[in-house]
Every structure is written in structure tokens, then in C-alpha cells.
Amino acid sequence: MQEKSIDRWQSFETMESLRQGVCDAIVKSANEAIAKRGQFSIILAGGNTPRAIYSVLRDLPMDWSKWHIYHGDERCLPIDHEDRNSLMANQVWLDHVDIPEQQVHHIPAELGPIEGAKAYAETLTGAPTFDLVLLGLGEDGHTASLFPNHEVDNSADAVPVFNSPKPPAERVTVSQNRLNNAHEVIFMVTGAGKQEAVDNWRKGVKIPATLISPTNGVDIYCYDVQVQ
């Protein structure tokens, strides 16, 4: 059994300072990974907080040719649907930088949960240990598309999700074991609505977010929630 994760909590006084903190951490992780291993692999999160971060990243002078992009989860919607994580990432960031097309690995969730998961699992088979995983936290404690009271499937690197409590019901998520295969993990937690989930996490209650417990622990960046 995996040992209890090391959780490093950081509070930020403004949303802007949190975004800047995450952006700085991404840049640091990228530069160190490229220096050590010649490439940088990152798992992206969806949502409004990452959207703002990605829009800042695109204007930075990075060695984009060494970046490899993956996603933590995706909704089973048409590829051009406004709620797709891949569409958001493309519009605010990836379409504006010179990451080689073959190094951007969107989840083909438009194929449906079963075929989409199967295809992405094959993609992840060739991926190294992730240098950085970005994750959010839902009010119910979910992260990626790992939801409470759902049987966690670790049979593959990417797995189908049915009957999601948040629409749409069908999704594809990277499994907890594959998310744990990472050098660094950052959770972005913003908004008072997340307080109960944060309290449960800090009290040791098992919520889906606590399934993510890589060897190096996790960093949780918080704004507008109490972590005392």
C-alpha cells in the first residue's frame, strides 16, 4: 500500500497571486525538466483558473519544442464543443505557440468513453513519468473525473467514466495510478464553495483528491478557502 502523501498547503491573498504562483511553478518545472531530460511533459486541468494561467503562459519565452501536452480528463462531447478542455486549451494557449502537433495529446473523448479511454491509454503507454500534473478540486472532493462513491478503475492508464454526477455523464479520465506517476503535482483550489472538501482533506477524510499521492507529495495552492 502507498504511504500517506505529503501535502504542502499554500494560501494566496488574491486570485492573481495564485495564478502567478502556478505560472511560476510551471515555468520552473519546465526549465528543470528540459535541462535534466531534454523534454517537459505536463497534464493539464480544465476550468477557469487554468484558463487564465494558460493565457499568461502563451506569451512567455519558453522552448515550446520540448513540451509534451496531456490532459487529466475530458468530457465525451463533440470535438468543437465549448465545454471541451481541449478546445479551451487550444483557444487560449496551444494555438498560439510552437509546440509540435505530434506532442499535443488531446483525449479523443468524442469517440465515447470506452473507445476514447482505450485510445488514450495507448497514447499514455508511450509517455514518461509526468513532470507536472495540474489538478483542480470540486466541491464534492473530486479531481480530474474521479468522483466520490464511484468505483475507481486502475486497470489502464485512461479509463471510461459513466454516470458522472456532473454533466455530461460520460467522460474519460486518466486513472489515479497514472496521475500518481508524476514528479510534481499541483492542485488549484479556489472559492469558498470548496471549504468542506478542504476541511475533509485536512482532517484525513478520504476524498477522491487524496487518491493522488505521488512519491514527492502534492502542492495545494489555495485562494478564498481557509487552510488553518
C-alpha atoms as a PDB file:
ATOM      1  CA  MET A   1       0.000   0.000   0.000  1.00  0.00           C
ATOM      2  CA  GLN A   2       1.204   3.502  -0.848  1.00  0.00           C
ATOM      3  CA  GLU A   3       2.331   5.650   2.050  1.00  0.00           C
ATOM      4  CA  LYS A   4       0.330   8.722   3.011  1.00  0.00           C
ATOM      5  CA  SER A   5       1.046  11.633   0.740  1.00  0.00           C
ATOM      6  CA  ILE A   6       2.954  14.703   1.835  1.00  0.00           C
ATOM      7  CA  ASP A   7       0.560  17.632   1.403  1.00  0.00           C
ATOM      8  CA  ARG A   8       2.063  21.110   1.157  1.00  0.00           C
ATOM      9  CA  TRP A   9      -0.629  23.783   1.551  1.00  0.00           C
ATOM     10  CA  GLN A  10      -0.099  27.346   0.347  1.00  0.00           C
ATOM     11  CA  SER A  11      -2.579  30.184   0.766  1.00  0.00           C
ATOM     12  CA  PHE A  12      -2.694  33.182  -1.578  1.00  0.00           C
ATOM     13  CA  GLU A  13      -4.316  36.519  -0.779  1.00  0.00           C
ATOM     14  CA  THR A  14      -5.572  37.187  -4.307  1.00  0.00           C
ATOM     15  CA  MET A  15      -6.605  35.115  -7.294  1.00  0.00           C
ATOM     16  CA  GLU A  16      -3.965  36.906  -9.328  1.00  0.00           C
ATOM     17  CA  SER A  17      -1.192  35.911  -6.930  1.00  0.00           C
ATOM     18  CA  LEU A  18      -2.323  32.277  -7.065  1.00  0.00           C
ATOM     19  CA  ARG A  19      -2.315  32.320 -10.854  1.00  0.00           C
ATOM     20  CA  GLN A  20       1.138  33.850 -10.861  1.00  0.00           C
ATOM     21  CA  GLY A  21       2.346  31.277  -8.356  1.00  0.00           C
ATOM     22  CA  VAL A  22       1.137  28.400 -10.511  1.00  0.00           C
ATOM     23  CA  CYS A  23       2.583  30.002 -13.635  1.00  0.00           C
ATOM     24  CA  ASP A  24       5.955  30.428 -11.941  1.00  0.00           C
ATOM     25  CA  ALA A  25       5.877  26.793 -10.806  1.00  0.00           C
ATOM     26  CA  ILE A  26       5.112  25.590 -14.345  1.00  0.00           C
ATOM     27  CA  VAL A  27       7.980  27.606 -15.803  1.00  0.00           C
ATOM     28  CA  LYS A  28      10.383  26.333 -13.129  1.00  0.00           C
ATOM     29  CA  SER A  29       9.306  22.730 -13.655  1.00  0.00           C
ATOM     30  CA  ALA A  30       9.616  23.049 -17.438  1.00  0.00           C
ATOM     31  CA  ASN A  31      13.070  24.584 -17.360  1.00  0.00           C
ATOM     32  CA  GLU A  32      14.356  21.979 -14.886  1.00  0.00           C
ATOM     33  CA  ALA A  33      12.862  19.048 -16.811  1.00  0.00           C
ATOM     34  CA  ILE A  34      14.256  20.238 -20.135  1.00  0.00           C
ATOM     35  CA  ALA A  35      17.685  20.738 -18.562  1.00  0.00           C
ATOM     36  CA  LYS A  36      17.624  17.253 -16.991  1.00  0.00           C
ATOM     37  CA  ARG A  37      15.709  15.156 -19.502  1.00  0.00           C
ATOM     38  CA  GLY A  38      15.502  17.172 -22.708  1.00  0.00           C
ATOM     39  CA  GLN A  39      11.719  17.474 -22.607  1.00  0.00           C
ATOM     40  CA  PHE A  40       8.806  18.544 -20.406  1.00  0.00           C
ATOM     41  CA  SER A  41       5.551  16.612 -20.034  1.00  0.00           C
ATOM     42  CA  ILE A  42       2.543  18.224 -18.376  1.00  0.00           C
ATOM     43  CA  ILE A  43      -1.009  17.101 -17.596  1.00  0.00           C
ATOM     44  CA  LEU A  44      -3.474  19.962 -17.977  1.00  0.00           C
ATOM     45  CA  ALA A  45      -6.541  20.699 -15.867  1.00  0.00           C
ATOM     46  CA  GLY A  46      -9.699  22.307 -17.171  1.00  0.00           C
ATOM     47  CA  GLY A  47     -11.652  25.196 -15.681  1.00  0.00           C
ATOM     48  CA  ASN A  48     -11.487  28.959 -15.313  1.00  0.00           C
ATOM     49  CA  THR A  49      -8.399  29.169 -13.103  1.00  0.00           C
ATOM     50  CA  PRO A  50      -6.244  27.156 -15.540  1.00  0.00           C
ATOM     51  CA  ARG A  51      -7.688  29.152 -18.441  1.00  0.00           C
ATOM     52  CA  ALA A  52      -6.216  32.363 -17.037  1.00  0.00           C
ATOM     53  CA  ILE A  53      -2.878  30.646 -16.356  1.00  0.00           C
ATOM     54  CA  TYR A  54      -2.633  29.240 -19.871  1.00  0.00           C
ATOM     55  CA  SER A  55      -3.307  32.653 -21.378  1.00  0.00           C
ATOM     56  CA  VAL A  56      -0.323  34.037 -19.454  1.00  0.00           C
ATOM     57  CA  LEU A  57       1.920  31.101 -20.379  1.00  0.00           C
ATOM     58  CA  ARG A  58       1.459  31.581 -24.103  1.00  0.00           C
ATOM     59  CA  ASP A  59       3.294  34.918 -24.036  1.00  0.00           C
ATOM     60  CA  LEU A  60       6.354  33.626 -22.182  1.00  0.00           C
ATOM     61  CA  PRO A  61       9.651  32.881 -23.966  1.00  0.00           C
ATOM     62  CA  MET A  62       9.668  29.109 -23.473  1.00  0.00           C
ATOM     63  CA  ASP A  63      11.347  26.382 -25.513  1.00  0.00           C
ATOM     64  CA  TRP A  64       7.985  25.102 -26.745  1.00  0.00           C
ATOM     65  CA  SER A  65       9.586  22.486 -28.999  1.00  0.00           C
ATOM     66  CA  LYS A  66      10.387  20.424 -25.898  1.00  0.00           C
ATOM     67  CA  TRP A  67       6.863  20.482 -24.402  1.00  0.00           C
ATOM     68  CA  HIS A  68       4.535  17.456 -24.407  1.00  0.00           C
ATOM     69  CA  ILE A  69       0.897  18.166 -23.536  1.00  0.00           C
ATOM     70  CA  TYR A  70      -1.611  15.744 -21.995  1.00  0.00           C
ATOM     71  CA  HIS A  71      -4.977  16.103 -20.243  1.00  0.00           C
ATOM     72  CA  GLY A  72      -6.223  14.698 -16.944  1.00  0.00           C
ATOM     73  CA  ASP A  73      -9.768  14.185 -18.173  1.00  0.00           C
ATOM     74  CA  GLU A  74     -12.200  15.107 -20.906  1.00  0.00           C
ATOM     75  CA  ARG A  75     -15.946  15.238 -21.467  1.00  0.00           C
ATOM     76  CA  CYS A  76     -17.473  12.976 -24.109  1.00  0.00           C
ATOM     77  CA  LEU A  77     -18.698  15.802 -26.310  1.00  0.00           C
ATOM     78  CA  PRO A  78     -18.074  16.798 -29.938  1.00  0.00           C
ATOM     79  CA  ILE A  79     -14.527  17.964 -30.513  1.00  0.00           C
ATOM     80  CA  ASP A  80     -15.650  21.563 -31.123  1.00  0.00           C
ATOM     81  CA  HIS A  81     -17.991  21.761 -28.105  1.00  0.00           C
ATOM     82  CA  GLU A  82     -17.389  24.781 -25.886  1.00  0.00           C
ATOM     83  CA  ASP A  83     -17.128  22.587 -22.776  1.00  0.00           C
ATOM     84  CA  ARG A  84     -14.223  20.528 -24.087  1.00  0.00           C
ATOM     85  CA  ASN A  85     -10.995  21.007 -22.119  1.00  0.00           C
ATOM     86  CA  SER A  86      -9.014  20.542 -25.318  1.00  0.00           C
ATOM     87  CA  LEU A  87     -10.864  23.353 -27.081  1.00  0.00           C
ATOM     88  CA  MET A  88     -10.209  25.742 -24.202  1.00  0.00           C
ATOM     89  CA  ALA A  89      -6.509  24.879 -24.098  1.00  0.00           C
ATOM     90  CA  ASN A  90      -6.211  25.314 -27.855  1.00  0.00           C
ATOM     91  CA  GLN A  91      -8.023  28.639 -27.957  1.00  0.00           C
ATOM     92  CA  VAL A  92      -6.219  30.356 -25.096  1.00  0.00           C
ATOM     93  CA  TRP A  93      -2.760  28.824 -25.452  1.00  0.00           C
ATOM     94  CA  LEU A  94      -1.786  25.941 -27.703  1.00  0.00           C
ATOM     95  CA  ASP A  95      -2.866  27.514 -30.999  1.00  0.00           C
ATOM     96  CA  HIS A  96      -0.581  30.453 -30.221  1.00  0.00           C
ATOM     97  CA  VAL A  97       2.718  28.639 -29.509  1.00  0.00           C
ATOM     98  CA  ASP A  98       5.034  26.384 -31.485  1.00  0.00           C
ATOM     99  CA  ILE A  99       4.561  23.053 -29.722  1.00  0.00           C
ATOM    100  CA  PRO A 100       4.874  20.370 -32.431  1.00  0.00           C
ATOM    101  CA  GLU A 101       1.449  18.978 -33.270  1.00  0.00           C
ATOM    102  CA  GLN A 102       2.533  15.397 -32.543  1.00  0.00           C
ATOM    103  CA  GLN A 103       3.453  16.455 -28.980  1.00  0.00           C
ATOM    104  CA  VAL A 104      -0.071  17.657 -28.146  1.00  0.00           C
ATOM    105  CA  HIS A 105      -2.088  14.679 -26.948  1.00  0.00           C
ATOM    106  CA  HIS A 106      -5.759  15.545 -26.542  1.00  0.00           C
ATOM    107  CA  ILE A 107      -8.126  12.868 -25.219  1.00  0.00           C
ATOM    108  CA  PRO A 108     -10.322  11.623 -28.100  1.00  0.00           C
ATOM    109  CA  ALA A 109     -13.426  11.605 -25.902  1.00  0.00           C
ATOM    110  CA  GLU A 110     -15.608  12.284 -28.940  1.00  0.00           C
ATOM    111  CA  LEU A 111     -15.199   8.549 -29.605  1.00  0.00           C
ATOM    112  CA  GLY A 112     -17.203   7.803 -26.462  1.00  0.00           C
ATOM    113  CA  PRO A 113     -15.967   6.756 -23.026  1.00  0.00           C
ATOM    114  CA  ILE A 114     -14.871   3.224 -23.880  1.00  0.00           C
ATOM    115  CA  GLU A 115     -13.116   3.821 -27.198  1.00  0.00           C
ATOM    116  CA  GLY A 116     -11.793   7.198 -26.067  1.00  0.00           C
ATOM    117  CA  ALA A 117     -10.253   5.692 -22.946  1.00  0.00           C
ATOM    118  CA  LYS A 118      -8.776   2.809 -24.898  1.00  0.00           C
ATOM    119  CA  ALA A 119      -7.152   5.155 -27.404  1.00  0.00           C
ATOM    120  CA  TYR A 120      -5.754   7.452 -24.709  1.00  0.00           C
ATOM    121  CA  ALA A 121      -4.421   4.538 -22.692  1.00  0.00           C
ATOM    122  CA  GLU A 122      -2.424   3.557 -25.755  1.00  0.00           C
ATOM    123  CA  THR A 123      -1.110   7.110 -26.041  1.00  0.00           C
ATOM    124  CA  LEU A 124      -0.066   7.136 -22.393  1.00  0.00           C
ATOM    125  CA  THR A 125       1.749   3.818 -22.747  1.00  0.00           C
ATOM    126  CA  GLY A 126       4.499   5.691 -24.568  1.00  0.00           C
ATOM    127  CA  ALA A 127       4.547   8.633 -22.179  1.00  0.00           C
ATOM    128  CA  PRO A 128       7.220   9.005 -19.482  1.00  0.00           C
ATOM    129  CA  THR A 129       6.646   9.881 -15.849  1.00  0.00           C
ATOM    130  CA  PHE A 130       4.854  13.217 -15.986  1.00  0.00           C
ATOM    131  CA  ASP A 131       6.992  16.146 -14.957  1.00  0.00           C
ATOM    132  CA  LEU A 132       3.985  18.133 -13.716  1.00  0.00           C
ATOM    133  CA  VAL A 133       0.308  17.316 -13.174  1.00  0.00           C
ATOM    134  CA  LEU A 134      -2.179  20.167 -12.733  1.00  0.00           C
ATOM    135  CA  LEU A 135      -5.430  19.320 -10.972  1.00  0.00           C
ATOM    136  CA  GLY A 136      -8.481  21.091  -9.601  1.00  0.00           C
ATOM    137  CA  LEU A 137     -10.756  20.223  -6.686  1.00  0.00           C
ATOM    138  CA  GLY A 138     -14.538  20.005  -6.901  1.00  0.00           C
ATOM    139  CA  GLU A 139     -16.908  20.940  -4.123  1.00  0.00           C
ATOM    140  CA  ASP A 140     -17.578  17.216  -3.660  1.00  0.00           C
ATOM    141  CA  GLY A 141     -13.853  16.465  -3.437  1.00  0.00           C
ATOM    142  CA  HIS A 142     -13.479  15.117  -6.969  1.00  0.00           C
ATOM    143  CA  THR A 143     -10.426  15.713  -9.102  1.00  0.00           C
ATOM    144  CA  ALA A 144      -9.999  15.065 -12.821  1.00  0.00           C
ATOM    145  CA  SER A 145     -13.098  12.866 -13.354  1.00  0.00           C
ATOM    146  CA  LEU A 146     -12.521  10.749 -10.253  1.00  0.00           C
ATOM    147  CA  PHE A 147     -15.791  11.202  -8.331  1.00  0.00           C
ATOM    148  CA  PRO A 148     -16.949  10.228  -4.836  1.00  0.00           C
ATOM    149  CA  ASN A 149     -18.679   6.875  -4.484  1.00  0.00           C
ATOM    150  CA  HIS A 150     -17.538   5.784  -7.931  1.00  0.00           C
ATOM    151  CA  GLU A 151     -15.550   2.601  -8.214  1.00  0.00           C
ATOM    152  CA  VAL A 152     -12.004   3.618  -9.100  1.00  0.00           C
ATOM    153  CA  ASP A 153     -10.728   1.731 -12.110  1.00  0.00           C
ATOM    154  CA  ASN A 154      -6.958   1.391 -12.323  1.00  0.00           C
ATOM    155  CA  SER A 155      -6.920  -1.320 -14.941  1.00  0.00           C
ATOM    156  CA  ALA A 156      -5.460   1.085 -17.507  1.00  0.00           C
ATOM    157  CA  ASP A 157      -3.774   4.489 -17.700  1.00  0.00           C
ATOM    158  CA  ALA A 158      -7.007   6.037 -19.003  1.00  0.00           C
ATOM    159  CA  VAL A 159     -10.451   4.725 -18.120  1.00  0.00           C
ATOM    160  CA  PRO A 160     -14.090   5.418 -19.030  1.00  0.00           C
ATOM    161  CA  VAL A 161     -16.418   7.265 -16.671  1.00  0.00           C
ATOM    162  CA  PHE A 162     -20.176   6.670 -16.672  1.00  0.00           C
ATOM    163  CA  ASN A 163     -22.948   8.328 -14.642  1.00  0.00           C
ATOM    164  CA  SER A 164     -20.834  11.325 -13.654  1.00  0.00           C
ATOM    165  CA  PRO A 165     -22.648  13.437 -11.026  1.00  0.00           C
ATOM    166  CA  LYS A 166     -21.633  16.459 -13.081  1.00  0.00           C
ATOM    167  CA  PRO A 167     -22.826  16.665 -16.689  1.00  0.00           C
ATOM    168  CA  PRO A 168     -22.052  15.258 -19.099  1.00  0.00           C
ATOM    169  CA  ALA A 169     -22.486  11.808 -17.623  1.00  0.00           C
ATOM    170  CA  GLU A 170     -19.860  10.195 -19.850  1.00  0.00           C
ATOM    171  CA  ARG A 171     -16.190  11.125 -19.652  1.00  0.00           C
ATOM    172  CA  VAL A 172     -12.666   9.801 -19.980  1.00  0.00           C
ATOM    173  CA  THR A 173     -10.211  10.238 -17.114  1.00  0.00           C
ATOM    174  CA  VAL A 174      -6.594   9.390 -16.518  1.00  0.00           C
ATOM    175  CA  SER A 175      -6.528   6.805 -13.726  1.00  0.00           C
ATOM    176  CA  GLN A 176      -5.276   7.577 -10.259  1.00  0.00           C
ATOM    177  CA  ASN A 177      -2.247   5.306 -10.662  1.00  0.00           C
ATOM    178  CA  ARG A 178      -1.145   7.137 -13.810  1.00  0.00           C
ATOM    179  CA  LEU A 179      -1.704  10.550 -12.231  1.00  0.00           C
ATOM    180  CA  ASN A 180       0.479   9.395  -9.343  1.00  0.00           C
ATOM    181  CA  ASN A 181       3.279   8.588 -11.784  1.00  0.00           C
ATOM    182  CA  ALA A 182       4.497  12.183 -11.635  1.00  0.00           C
ATOM    183  CA  HIS A 183       7.473  14.176 -10.413  1.00  0.00           C
ATOM    184  CA  GLU A 184       5.260  17.059  -9.256  1.00  0.00           C
ATOM    185  CA  VAL A 185       1.527  17.621  -8.688  1.00  0.00           C
ATOM    186  CA  ILE A 186      -0.186  20.962  -8.106  1.00  0.00           C
ATOM    187  CA  PHE A 187      -3.812  21.310  -7.026  1.00  0.00           C
ATOM    188  CA  MET A 188      -5.508  24.664  -7.664  1.00  0.00           C
ATOM    189  CA  VAL A 189      -8.286  25.245  -5.116  1.00  0.00           C
ATOM    190  CA  THR A 190     -10.264  28.476  -5.347  1.00  0.00           C
ATOM    191  CA  GLY A 191     -13.584  29.609  -3.903  1.00  0.00           C
ATOM    192  CA  ALA A 192     -15.412  29.295  -0.591  1.00  0.00           C
ATOM    193  CA  GLY A 193     -17.549  26.508  -2.051  1.00  0.00           C
ATOM    194  CA  LYS A 194     -14.522  24.213  -1.754  1.00  0.00           C
ATOM    195  CA  GLN A 195     -14.252  24.713   2.025  1.00  0.00           C
ATOM    196  CA  GLU A 196     -15.949  21.458   3.034  1.00  0.00           C
ATOM    197  CA  ALA A 197     -13.760  19.444   0.658  1.00  0.00           C
ATOM    198  CA  VAL A 198     -10.639  21.170   2.008  1.00  0.00           C
ATOM    199  CA  ASP A 199     -11.720  20.561   5.607  1.00  0.00           C
ATOM    200  CA  ASN A 200     -12.325  16.880   4.889  1.00  0.00           C
ATOM    201  CA  TRP A 201      -8.976  16.567   3.146  1.00  0.00           C
ATOM    202  CA  ARG A 202      -7.112  18.159   6.048  1.00  0.00           C
ATOM    203  CA  LYS A 203      -8.973  16.021   8.605  1.00  0.00           C
ATOM    204  CA  GLY A 204      -7.905  12.868   6.815  1.00  0.00           C
ATOM    205  CA  VAL A 205     -11.289  12.037   5.301  1.00  0.00           C
ATOM    206  CA  LYS A 206     -10.811  10.030   2.119  1.00  0.00           C
ATOM    207  CA  ILE A 207     -11.995  12.095  -0.840  1.00  0.00           C
ATOM    208  CA  PRO A 208     -11.039  11.446  -4.467  1.00  0.00           C
ATOM    209  CA  ALA A 209      -8.338  14.145  -4.378  1.00  0.00           C
ATOM    210  CA  THR A 210      -6.498  12.190  -1.677  1.00  0.00           C
ATOM    211  CA  LEU A 211      -6.072   9.301  -4.125  1.00  0.00           C
ATOM    212  CA  ILE A 212      -3.381  11.415  -5.753  1.00  0.00           C
ATOM    213  CA  SER A 213      -0.360  10.728  -3.575  1.00  0.00           C
ATOM    214  CA  PRO A 214       2.843  10.624  -5.613  1.00  0.00           C
ATOM    215  CA  THR A 215       6.192   9.893  -4.013  1.00  0.00           C
ATOM    216  CA  ASN A 216       7.117  13.586  -3.878  1.00  0.00           C
ATOM    217  CA  GLY A 217       3.774  14.618  -2.386  1.00  0.00           C
ATOM    218  CA  VAL A 218       1.453  17.319  -3.670  1.00  0.00           C
ATOM    219  CA  ASP A 219       1.305  21.105  -3.527  1.00  0.00           C
ATOM    220  CA  ILE A 220      -2.121  22.633  -2.914  1.00  0.00           C
ATOM    221  CA  TYR A 221      -2.443  26.294  -3.925  1.00  0.00           C
ATOM    222  CA  CYS A 222      -5.494  27.888  -2.277  1.00  0.00           C
ATOM    223  CA  TYR A 223      -7.417  31.139  -2.570  1.00  0.00           C
ATOM    224  CA  ASP A 224     -10.629  32.085  -0.739  1.00  0.00           C
ATOM    225  CA  VAL A 225     -10.600  28.946   1.427  1.00  0.00           C
ATOM    226  CA  GLN A 226      -9.337  28.554   4.983  1.00  0.00           C
ATOM    227  CA  VAL A 227      -6.495  26.080   5.499  1.00  0.00           C
ATOM    228  CA  GLN A 228      -5.702  26.652   9.179  1.00  0.00           C
END
